[in-house]
Protein backbone atom coordinates (compact mmCIF):
# COMPACT_ATOMS: atom_id res chain seq x y z
CA UNK A 1 -0.35 0.02 0.33
CA UNK A 2 1.15 3.73 -1.17
CA UNK A 3 0.15 5.18 2.08
CA UNK A 4 1.93 8.83 1.53
CA UNK A 5 0.34 8.81 -1.90
CA UNK A 6 -2.98 7.99 -0.48
CA UNK A 7 -2.83 10.65 2.37
CA UNK A 8 -1.21 13.10 0.38
CA UNK A 9 -4.25 12.92 -2.19
CA UNK A 10 -6.80 12.89 1.09
CA UNK A 11 -4.76 16.21 1.83
CA UNK A 12 -5.81 17.39 -1.32
CA UNK A 13 -9.62 16.67 -0.57
CA UNK A 14 -9.89 18.31 2.94
CA UNK A 15 -8.03 21.01 1.06
CA UNK A 16 -11.22 21.24 -1.22
CA UNK A 17 -13.87 20.66 1.59
CA UNK A 18 -11.85 23.59 3.41
CA UNK A 19 -12.86 25.57 0.52
CA UNK A 20 -16.34 24.53 0.15
CA UNK A 21 -17.33 25.60 3.55
CA UNK A 22 -16.63 29.25 2.40
CA UNK A 23 -19.94 29.57 1.11
CA UNK A 24 -21.43 28.88 4.08
CA UNK A 25 -19.26 31.35 6.02
CA UNK A 26 -20.98 33.57 3.09
CA UNK A 27 -24.54 32.76 4.26
CA UNK A 28 -23.34 32.93 7.56
CA UNK A 29 -21.91 37.01 7.47
CA UNK A 30 -24.73 37.85 4.59
CA UNK A 31 -27.30 36.77 7.64
CA UNK A 32 -25.92 38.19 10.23
CA UNK A 33 -25.55 34.92 12.12
CA UNK A 34 -22.59 33.89 14.01
CA UNK A 35 -19.87 32.89 11.94
CA UNK A 36 -17.32 30.83 14.36
CA UNK A 37 -18.97 27.37 13.37
CA UNK A 38 -17.00 27.72 10.46
CA UNK A 39 -13.92 29.94 11.52
CA UNK A 40 -13.16 27.21 13.93
CA UNK A 41 -13.19 24.58 11.08
CA UNK A 42 -11.83 25.76 8.52
CA UNK A 43 -8.42 26.49 10.25
CA UNK A 44 -8.38 22.62 11.27
CA UNK A 45 -9.45 21.48 7.47
CA UNK A 46 -6.40 23.55 6.37
CA UNK A 47 -3.85 22.63 8.85
CA UNK A 48 -4.82 18.97 8.23
CA UNK A 49 -4.97 19.24 4.41
CA UNK A 50 -1.59 21.16 4.32
CA UNK A 51 0.02 18.75 6.07
CA UNK A 52 -0.88 15.54 4.18
CA UNK A 53 -0.46 17.75 0.82
CA UNK A 54 3.28 18.46 1.87
CA UNK A 55 3.97 14.46 2.04
CA UNK A 56 6.87 13.44 -0.53
CA UNK A 57 6.19 10.00 -1.69
CA UNK A 58 8.95 8.23 -3.17
CA UNK A 59 6.80 6.17 -5.47
CA UNK A 60 4.64 8.31 -7.45
CA UNK A 61 3.57 5.54 -9.79
CA UNK A 62 2.48 2.99 -7.81
CA UNK A 63 -1.34 3.46 -7.72
CA UNK A 64 -3.38 0.75 -8.22
CA UNK A 65 -7.21 -0.52 -7.70
CA UNK A 66 -6.04 -1.40 -4.07
CA UNK A 67 -5.09 2.30 -3.03
CA UNK A 68 -8.18 3.47 -5.05
CA UNK A 69 -10.53 1.97 -3.24
CA UNK A 70 -8.67 2.74 0.31
CA UNK A 71 -8.33 6.22 -0.66
CA UNK A 72 -11.98 6.48 -1.38
CA UNK A 73 -13.25 4.60 2.21
CA UNK A 74 -10.67 7.12 3.96
CA UNK A 75 -11.53 9.92 2.23
CA UNK A 76 -15.30 9.86 2.70
CA UNK A 77 -14.64 8.50 6.50
CA UNK A 78 -12.28 12.17 7.00
CA UNK A 79 -14.55 14.57 5.41
CA UNK A 80 -17.91 13.72 6.95
CA UNK A 81 -15.80 13.52 10.34
CA UNK A 82 -14.27 17.27 9.59
CA UNK A 83 -17.74 17.78 7.98
CA UNK A 84 -19.48 17.47 11.32
CA UNK A 85 -17.27 19.87 13.34
CA UNK A 86 -19.57 23.07 11.83
CA UNK A 87 -22.78 21.27 13.71
CA UNK A 88 -21.02 20.53 16.92
CA UNK A 89 -19.74 24.27 17.01
CA UNK A 90 -23.33 25.36 16.63
CA UNK A 91 -24.27 23.26 19.57
CA UNK A 92 -27.54 22.13 17.88
CA UNK A 93 -26.69 18.62 18.48
CA UNK A 94 -26.75 16.68 21.21
CA UNK A 95 -23.51 14.94 21.30
CA UNK A 96 -20.70 14.48 18.34
CA UNK A 97 -21.68 11.18 17.31
CA UNK A 98 -25.36 12.96 15.96
CA UNK A 99 -23.00 15.64 14.08
CA UNK A 100 -21.13 12.70 12.28
CA UNK A 101 -24.37 10.83 11.62
CA UNK A 102 -26.08 14.12 10.43
CA UNK A 103 -23.05 14.85 8.07
CA UNK A 104 -22.32 11.58 6.54
CA UNK A 105 -26.49 11.90 6.00
CA UNK A 106 -25.36 14.85 3.84
CA UNK A 107 -22.65 13.36 2.06
CA UNK A 108 -23.76 10.35 1.31
CA UNK A 109 -27.17 11.92 0.11
CA UNK A 110 -29.39 10.00 2.61
CA UNK A 111 -31.14 13.21 4.11
CA UNK A 112 -31.89 10.89 7.13
CA UNK A 113 -31.90 13.59 10.34
CA UNK A 114 -31.32 12.99 13.90
CA UNK A 115 -33.06 16.68 14.53
CA UNK A 116 -37.11 16.91 15.54
CA UNK A 117 -37.25 20.67 14.53
CA UNK A 118 -35.08 21.58 11.48
CA UNK A 119 -36.74 25.30 11.32
CA UNK A 120 -34.72 26.33 14.63
CA UNK A 121 -31.03 26.31 12.24
CA UNK A 122 -29.46 29.13 11.32
CA UNK A 123 -29.10 29.75 7.42
CA UNK A 124 -25.55 28.97 7.39
CA UNK A 125 -26.17 25.62 9.12
CA UNK A 126 -29.24 24.81 6.69
CA UNK A 127 -27.04 25.84 3.65
CA UNK A 128 -24.00 23.77 5.13
CA UNK A 129 -26.43 20.27 4.95
CA UNK A 130 -27.95 21.09 2.13
CA UNK A 131 -24.54 21.82 0.22
CA UNK A 132 -23.09 18.57 1.73
CA UNK A 133 -25.47 16.90 -0.92
CA UNK A 134 -24.98 18.53 -3.36
CA UNK A 135 -21.47 18.01 -3.45
CA UNK A 136 -21.86 14.26 -2.42
CA UNK A 137 -24.29 14.17 -4.89
CA UNK A 138 -21.56 13.76 -8.21
CA UNK A 139 -18.74 12.50 -5.77
CA UNK A 140 -16.62 14.68 -3.72
CA UNK A 141 -13.40 12.90 -5.55
CA UNK A 142 -14.82 13.25 -9.07
CA UNK A 143 -14.99 17.12 -8.08
CA UNK A 144 -11.87 16.77 -6.62
CA UNK A 145 -10.66 15.34 -10.43
CA UNK A 146 -12.27 17.85 -11.97
CA UNK A 147 -10.49 20.70 -9.88
CA UNK A 148 -6.82 19.14 -9.79
CA UNK A 149 -6.41 17.15 -13.14
CA UNK A 150 -2.80 16.76 -12.53
CA UNK A 151 -3.67 13.61 -10.28
CA UNK A 152 -2.49 11.89 -13.59
CA UNK A 153 -3.54 8.08 -14.41
CA UNK A 154 -5.00 7.41 -10.53
CA UNK A 155 -8.42 8.90 -11.14
CA UNK A 156 -9.61 6.20 -13.24
CA UNK A 157 -8.88 3.91 -10.29
CA UNK A 158 -10.46 6.59 -8.14
CA UNK A 159 -13.88 7.20 -10.40
CA UNK A 160 -14.33 3.40 -10.17
CA UNK A 161 -14.26 2.79 -6.58
CA UNK A 162 -16.56 6.19 -5.55
CA UNK A 163 -18.94 5.92 -9.05
CA UNK A 164 -22.01 4.35 -8.81
CA UNK A 165 -23.27 1.44 -11.02
CA UNK A 166 -21.77 -2.00 -12.35
CA UNK A 167 -20.03 -0.76 -15.32
CA UNK A 168 -17.77 2.62 -15.14
CA UNK A 169 -16.54 4.27 -18.00
CA UNK A 170 -15.00 7.55 -19.21
CA UNK A 171 -17.34 9.99 -21.32
CA UNK A 172 -13.78 11.04 -22.91
CA UNK A 173 -10.49 9.73 -23.23
CA UNK A 174 -9.07 11.95 -20.18
CA UNK A 175 -10.75 11.25 -16.69
CA UNK A 176 -10.45 14.40 -15.54
CA UNK A 177 -12.65 16.09 -18.39
CA UNK A 178 -15.18 13.46 -17.86
CA UNK A 179 -15.59 15.03 -14.36
CA UNK A 180 -15.81 18.57 -15.55
CA UNK A 181 -18.78 17.15 -17.96
CA UNK A 182 -20.54 15.68 -15.58
CA UNK A 183 -20.04 18.68 -13.79
CA UNK A 184 -21.09 21.04 -16.44
CA UNK A 185 -24.65 19.00 -16.51
CA UNK A 186 -24.86 18.71 -13.02
CA UNK A 187 -24.85 22.59 -11.85
CA UNK A 188 -27.24 23.45 -15.29
CA UNK A 189 -29.64 21.09 -13.94
CA UNK A 190 -29.20 22.99 -10.89
CA UNK A 191 -29.38 26.39 -11.82
CA UNK A 192 -32.37 25.32 -14.04
CA UNK A 193 -34.31 23.92 -11.07
CA UNK A 194 -33.50 27.09 -9.06
CA UNK A 195 -35.09 28.93 -11.45
CA UNK A 196 -38.30 26.71 -11.91
CA UNK A 197 -38.57 26.96 -8.39
CA UNK A 198 -38.48 30.92 -8.01
CA UNK A 199 -40.66 31.14 -11.04
CA UNK A 200 -43.26 28.57 -8.72
CA UNK A 201 -42.81 31.47 -5.58
CA UNK A 202 -40.49 29.79 -3.69
CA UNK A 203 -38.01 31.87 -1.90
CA UNK A 204 -34.72 32.72 -3.12
CA UNK A 205 -33.05 30.82 -0.42
CA UNK A 206 -35.39 27.71 -0.17
CA UNK A 207 -35.11 27.53 -3.49
CA UNK A 208 -31.40 27.13 -3.68
CA UNK A 209 -31.10 24.79 -1.14
CA UNK A 210 -34.08 22.56 -2.08
CA UNK A 211 -32.47 22.24 -5.36
CA UNK A 212 -29.15 20.97 -3.37
CA UNK A 213 -31.01 18.58 -1.87
CA UNK A 214 -33.01 17.38 -4.98
CA UNK A 215 -29.60 17.67 -7.44
CA UNK A 216 -27.95 15.01 -4.67
CA UNK A 217 -31.16 13.56 -4.24
CA UNK A 218 -30.35 13.88 -0.56
CA UNK A 219 -33.19 15.36 0.65
CA UNK A 220 -32.27 17.50 3.62
CA UNK A 221 -35.86 19.34 3.85
CA UNK A 222 -35.82 23.18 5.65
CA UNK A 223 -39.15 22.79 6.87
CA UNK A 224 -40.37 19.93 9.45
CA UNK A 225 -43.25 18.85 7.19
CA UNK A 226 -40.69 18.57 4.26
CA UNK A 227 -42.02 19.88 0.87
CA UNK A 228 -45.48 19.50 2.13
CA UNK A 229 -45.22 22.85 4.06
CA UNK A 230 -45.22 24.78 1.17
CA UNK A 231 -48.29 23.60 -0.19
CA UNK A 232 -47.96 24.30 -3.13
CA UNK A 233 -48.82 21.60 -6.32
CA UNK A 234 -46.62 23.90 -8.95
CA UNK A 235 -43.83 22.95 -6.46
CA UNK A 236 -44.24 19.74 -5.95
CA UNK A 237 -44.28 19.00 -9.64
CA UNK A 238 -41.38 20.79 -10.39
CA UNK A 239 -39.32 18.77 -7.58
CA UNK A 240 -41.53 15.68 -9.02
CA UNK A 241 -39.74 16.17 -12.47
CA UNK A 242 -36.29 16.85 -11.29
CA UNK A 243 -36.16 14.25 -8.82
CA UNK A 244 -36.27 11.72 -11.50
CA UNK A 245 -33.93 13.64 -14.03
CA UNK A 246 -31.39 13.43 -11.65
CA UNK A 247 -32.22 9.41 -10.95
CA UNK A 248 -30.99 8.91 -14.87
CA UNK A 249 -27.34 8.01 -15.55
CA UNK A 250 -25.54 11.65 -16.81
CA UNK A 251 -24.15 9.37 -19.12
CA UNK A 252 -27.11 9.69 -21.12
CA UNK A 253 -27.21 13.78 -21.13
CA UNK A 254 -23.86 13.73 -22.72
CA UNK A 255 -25.57 11.33 -25.64
CA UNK A 256 -28.26 13.88 -25.89
CA UNK A 257 -25.61 16.58 -26.24
CA UNK A 258 -23.53 14.63 -28.68
CA UNK A 259 -27.00 14.87 -30.86
CA UNK A 260 -27.55 10.63 -30.08
CA UNK A 261 -30.85 10.78 -28.77
CA UNK A 262 -31.68 7.49 -30.33
CA UNK A 263 -28.69 5.83 -28.54
CA UNK A 264 -30.14 7.34 -25.10
CA UNK A 265 -33.48 6.51 -25.56
CA UNK A 266 -32.19 2.84 -26.31
CA UNK A 267 -31.11 2.33 -23.16
CA UNK A 268 -32.40 -0.75 -21.07
CA UNK A 269 -31.89 0.38 -17.79
CA UNK A 270 -33.90 3.71 -18.86
CA UNK A 271 -36.46 1.99 -19.96
CA UNK A 272 -36.33 -0.36 -16.71
CA UNK A 273 -36.80 2.62 -14.68
CA UNK A 274 -39.02 4.72 -16.26
CA UNK A 275 -41.49 1.34 -16.13
CA UNK A 276 -41.14 0.59 -12.66
CA UNK A 277 -41.68 4.51 -11.87
CA UNK A 278 -44.77 4.25 -14.09
CA UNK A 279 -46.21 1.15 -12.84
CA UNK A 280 -45.70 2.43 -8.79
CA UNK A 281 -47.79 5.32 -9.77
CA UNK A 282 -50.58 3.16 -11.07
CA UNK A 283 -50.41 0.62 -8.51
CA UNK A 284 -50.31 2.90 -5.60
CA UNK A 285 -52.61 5.61 -7.28
CA UNK A 286 -55.68 2.56 -7.77
CA UNK A 287 -54.84 1.35 -4.22
CA UNK A 288 -55.48 4.89 -2.59
CA UNK A 289 -58.27 5.50 -4.48
CA UNK A 290 -59.89 2.07 -3.41
CA UNK A 291 -58.75 1.87 0.10
CA UNK A 292 -60.36 5.09 1.44
CA UNK A 293 -61.23 8.35 -0.25
CA UNK A 294 -60.42 10.25 2.86
CA UNK A 295 -56.65 10.50 1.75
CA UNK A 296 -57.30 12.76 -1.11
CA UNK A 297 -60.35 14.45 -2.38
CA UNK A 298 -59.23 14.36 -6.19
CA UNK A 299 -57.67 12.02 -8.77
CA UNK A 300 -55.33 14.28 -10.22
CA UNK A 301 -54.21 15.08 -6.03
CA UNK A 302 -54.00 11.31 -5.68
CA UNK A 303 -52.06 11.05 -8.96
CA UNK A 304 -49.86 14.21 -7.72
CA UNK A 305 -48.75 12.67 -4.12
CA UNK A 306 -48.44 9.24 -5.82
CA UNK A 307 -45.96 10.59 -8.38
CA UNK A 308 -44.02 12.59 -5.89
CA UNK A 309 -43.43 9.55 -3.47
CA UNK A 310 -42.80 7.16 -6.19
CA UNK A 311 -39.75 9.47 -7.85
CA UNK A 312 -38.89 10.83 -4.00
CA UNK A 313 -38.08 7.13 -3.19
CA UNK A 314 -36.77 5.15 -6.28
CA UNK A 315 -34.45 8.52 -6.76
CA UNK A 316 -33.46 7.87 -2.75
CA UNK A 317 -34.28 11.71 -2.47
CA UNK A 318 -36.67 10.96 0.58
CA UNK A 319 -38.82 14.57 0.58
CA UNK A 320 -42.52 14.07 1.38
CA UNK A 321 -45.06 15.90 0.34
CA UNK A 322 -47.41 13.94 2.52
CA UNK A 323 -47.49 11.34 5.68
CA UNK A 324 -46.91 8.24 3.45
CA UNK A 325 -46.69 6.44 6.77
CA UNK A 326 -50.29 6.57 6.84
CA UNK A 327 -51.08 5.19 3.35
CA UNK A 328 -52.76 1.31 3.14
CA UNK A 329 -49.91 -1.59 3.71
CA UNK A 330 -49.61 -2.29 -0.03
CA UNK A 331 -48.66 1.23 -1.09
CA UNK A 332 -46.19 0.89 1.91
CA UNK A 333 -44.40 -2.24 0.34
CA UNK A 334 -44.37 -0.70 -2.68
CA UNK A 335 -42.38 2.08 -1.58
CA UNK A 336 -39.94 0.04 0.36
CA UNK A 337 -39.60 -2.10 -2.43
CA UNK A 338 -38.47 1.25 -4.54
CA UNK A 339 -35.87 1.49 -1.52
CA UNK A 340 -34.13 -1.22 -2.90
CA UNK A 341 -34.14 -0.73 -6.20
CA UNK A 342 -32.82 2.89 -6.33
CA UNK A 343 -32.08 4.72 -9.34
CA UNK A 344 -29.95 4.19 -12.47
CA UNK A 345 -26.67 3.95 -12.25
CA UNK A 346 -24.35 6.83 -13.09
CA UNK A 347 -26.79 9.05 -11.58
CA UNK A 348 -26.61 10.84 -8.09
CA UNK A 349 -29.65 8.13 -6.47
CA UNK A 350 -28.53 5.41 -4.44
CA UNK A 351 -29.86 1.58 -3.51
CA UNK A 352 -28.73 -1.09 -5.50
CA UNK A 353 -29.28 0.41 -9.08
CA UNK A 354 -31.41 -0.30 -11.91
CA UNK A 355 -28.85 -1.86 -13.60
CA UNK A 356 -27.81 -4.29 -10.91
CA UNK A 357 -31.15 -5.60 -10.72
CA UNK A 358 -32.13 -5.78 -14.26
CA UNK A 359 -28.52 -7.62 -14.56
CA UNK A 360 -29.46 -10.03 -11.70
CA UNK A 361 -33.19 -10.45 -13.49
CA UNK A 362 -31.32 -11.63 -17.00
CA UNK A 363 -28.58 -13.74 -15.06
CA UNK A 364 -31.71 -15.75 -13.70
CA UNK A 365 -32.82 -15.95 -16.55
CA UNK A 366 -29.47 -17.39 -18.43
CA UNK A 367 -29.39 -19.94 -15.43
CA UNK A 368 -32.71 -21.48 -16.09
CA UNK A 369 -32.64 -21.22 -20.01
CA UNK A 370 -29.13 -23.62 -19.75
CA UNK A 371 -31.27 -25.87 -17.67
CA UNK A 372 -33.41 -26.28 -20.44
CA UNK A 373 -31.12 -26.15 -23.30
CA UNK A 374 -27.40 -27.13 -21.60
CA UNK A 375 -25.61 -26.81 -24.82
CA UNK A 376 -27.00 -23.70 -25.69
CA UNK A 377 -24.55 -20.37 -25.35
CA UNK A 378 -26.37 -17.47 -23.35
CA UNK A 379 -25.38 -14.24 -22.79
CA UNK A 380 -26.33 -11.64 -21.06
CA UNK A 381 -26.62 -8.27 -23.10
CA UNK A 382 -27.63 -4.69 -21.68
CA UNK A 383 -28.13 -2.10 -24.27
CA UNK A 384 -27.33 -4.59 -26.76
CA UNK A 385 -24.36 -5.28 -25.87
CA UNK A 386 -22.78 -8.27 -24.31
CA UNK A 387 -22.12 -7.93 -20.85
CA UNK A 388 -18.20 -9.43 -19.70
CA UNK A 389 -18.36 -12.19 -17.12
CA UNK A 390 -16.36 -9.48 -14.83
CA UNK A 391 -18.98 -7.65 -14.71
CA UNK A 392 -21.89 -10.03 -14.09
CA UNK A 393 -19.56 -11.13 -11.18
CA UNK A 394 -19.35 -7.86 -9.43
CA UNK A 395 -22.71 -7.65 -9.50
CA UNK A 396 -23.25 -10.85 -7.47
CA UNK A 397 -20.62 -10.03 -5.21
CA UNK A 398 -22.22 -6.55 -4.97
CA UNK A 399 -25.62 -8.33 -4.15
CA UNK A 400 -24.28 -11.20 -2.02
CA UNK A 401 -22.44 -8.70 0.52
CA UNK A 402 -25.64 -5.80 0.02
CA UNK A 403 -28.06 -8.43 1.77
CA UNK A 404 -25.52 -9.76 5.08
CA UNK A 405 -24.87 -6.27 5.64
CA UNK A 406 -28.20 -5.14 5.40
CA UNK A 407 -29.46 -7.76 7.98
CA UNK A 408 -26.90 -7.61 10.06
CA UNK A 409 -26.88 -3.75 10.58
CA UNK A 410 -30.54 -4.79 11.62
CA UNK A 411 -29.78 -7.11 13.75
CA UNK A 412 -27.52 -5.08 15.71
CA UNK A 413 -30.16 -1.89 15.75
CA UNK A 414 -32.66 -4.31 17.14
CA UNK A 415 -30.70 -3.75 20.32
CA UNK A 416 -32.80 -0.55 20.74
CA UNK A 417 -36.06 -2.75 20.52
CA UNK A 418 -38.01 -0.83 19.02
CA UNK A 419 -40.63 -2.48 16.05
CA UNK A 420 -39.16 -4.27 13.17
CA UNK A 421 -40.74 -1.80 11.09
CA UNK A 422 -38.78 0.88 12.29
CA UNK A 423 -35.74 -1.00 12.86
CA UNK A 424 -35.90 -2.76 9.37
CA UNK A 425 -36.79 0.17 7.44
CA UNK A 426 -34.40 2.47 9.17
CA UNK A 427 -31.05 0.07 8.09
CA UNK A 428 -33.13 -0.44 4.70
CA UNK A 429 -33.18 3.54 3.75
CA UNK A 430 -29.72 4.28 5.36
CA UNK A 431 -27.77 1.39 3.28
CA UNK A 432 -30.41 2.66 0.13
CA UNK A 433 -29.47 6.14 1.07
CA UNK A 434 -33.19 7.24 0.93
CA UNK A 435 -33.92 9.02 4.23
CA UNK A 436 -37.29 7.94 5.54
CA UNK A 437 -38.62 4.79 6.55
CA UNK A 438 -41.75 3.70 7.95
CA UNK A 439 -43.32 4.40 11.34
CA UNK A 440 -40.99 5.97 13.96
CA UNK A 441 -38.54 6.89 11.27
CA UNK A 442 -41.30 7.66 8.44
CA UNK A 443 -41.49 11.36 6.93
CA UNK A 444 -42.64 12.77 10.04
CA UNK A 445 -40.24 10.80 12.42
CA UNK A 446 -36.57 11.55 12.72
CA UNK A 447 -33.70 9.05 13.89
CA UNK A 448 -33.23 10.85 17.18
CA UNK A 449 -34.52 7.96 19.37
CA UNK A 450 -31.87 5.51 18.43
CA UNK A 451 -28.55 4.98 20.79
CA UNK A 452 -25.23 5.93 20.42
CA UNK A 453 -24.41 2.70 18.93
CA UNK A 454 -27.55 2.33 16.55
CA UNK A 455 -26.53 6.04 15.25
CA UNK A 456 -22.46 4.89 14.49
CA UNK A 457 -24.08 1.25 12.88
CA UNK A 458 -26.68 3.81 10.77
CA UNK A 459 -23.75 6.12 10.05
CA UNK A 460 -21.64 2.92 8.34
CA UNK A 461 -24.60 1.83 6.51
CA UNK A 462 -25.11 5.22 4.70
CA UNK A 463 -21.13 5.35 3.85
CA UNK A 464 -21.51 1.54 3.05
CA UNK A 465 -24.49 1.92 0.72
CA UNK A 466 -23.08 5.42 -0.60
CA UNK A 467 -19.54 3.69 -1.43
CA UNK A 468 -21.30 0.43 -2.62
CA UNK A 469 -19.69 -1.99 -0.27
CA UNK A 470 -16.16 -2.77 -1.62
CA UNK A 471 -14.46 0.20 -0.79
CA UNK A 472 -15.81 0.01 3.18
CA UNK A 473 -14.50 -3.48 3.42
CA UNK A 474 -11.01 -2.73 1.86
CA UNK A 475 -10.56 -0.02 4.11
CA UNK A 476 -11.31 -2.26 7.52
CA UNK A 477 -9.20 -5.17 5.77
CA UNK A 478 -5.95 -5.79 7.98
CA UNK A 479 -4.13 -7.09 4.61
CA UNK A 480 -4.78 -3.18 2.78
CA UNK A 481 -2.84 -2.03 5.58
CA UNK A 482 0.29 -3.69 4.10
CA UNK A 483 2.93 -1.74 2.80
CA UNK A 484 3.84 -4.60 -0.08
């Protein structure tokens, strides 16, 4: 393990985080609020980042997949640990572990919160909470690669370790250029949503932070009742559309910009994603309409709220327009399934990813076909191309690690002795980076009910889910800490 090179890279990322904290510091000065939470944290980040950046590794070429995965796991832990300091210094959180949970929830774009009342926070802290969503949505290291292209060939190993999805590829030959293209699309969509929300009547500050939360598919709300607090159908429709837009693989937007519309529309994953969204909205609408007319007064309202919650859960944003925990059991069951499925690979969303689910189904179909016709050569295809066995193997390994970790975490959290619905959906929501679960952790609840142990376990679940298991497992493997 090339530790000096890993730590040097970590130092550069901490410097980027220090620069990012200048934005909430400016907000604090703008609204004449206490700037000390950021004035205390920024020098600490600068000191740690500078010391690590000054390291001079003897071997600058030895940086492979192991170093890449190790770096990503370490960096996400450290940026969360330092990013939690403003929350601790502001005095709104009871303990550092709660601050760490809140920051991990922000960077991993989960949106789970330990705060019963978010409206008591000042503008700068609210801005930092939502800004962590925006930074973590596309990836902190992707941002660093875009800003520091001098990282060289190491960038591909880092991008593979941080980017979501079973198959990671560059948009253009240079990885740093790919990062810039991704962030350009990301910024344009974010600015477009801010403009749309302003036109719909949302205040400027609210438009900015809610757009950050939507872009990162995070869902940190600045109102106690989330988006439902605005009581505006236009705002809900706009956010619904953008939650779905940010759930789509950003590589497809690049194809559209290159004029390759047909190739983008032929994406198997996109079609699967849209079919799941449309089917879920239809089933929930029928269930709500048939269960009781007391839920919504009109069919239009029923469809709108069903669409909002389906988009919110499958994109793993976690916003709410109503308390869906009061919906019929069938509708809630569909929402839990959507927590597992998640958004498209290469998007800012979480979950298993639609491409993995699709490949799992096709692998199952291949095995059944092999039993029926043993001599037939069956291959798995995606977008008309044969998927390599190595990619299929990575999907199966991911799934075989994802599910045991989910159940093991659930067993640890169950020590707090809450109901199965609360415990299980809390774990599924955290490892899927969704945010709200059901019952006590539903859209009107929060995660302050859990003990310190459970809070730490759920924090690790969020990081494992965001980095898709392997980088964190590498970090905690004793063999990874060997020099040779």
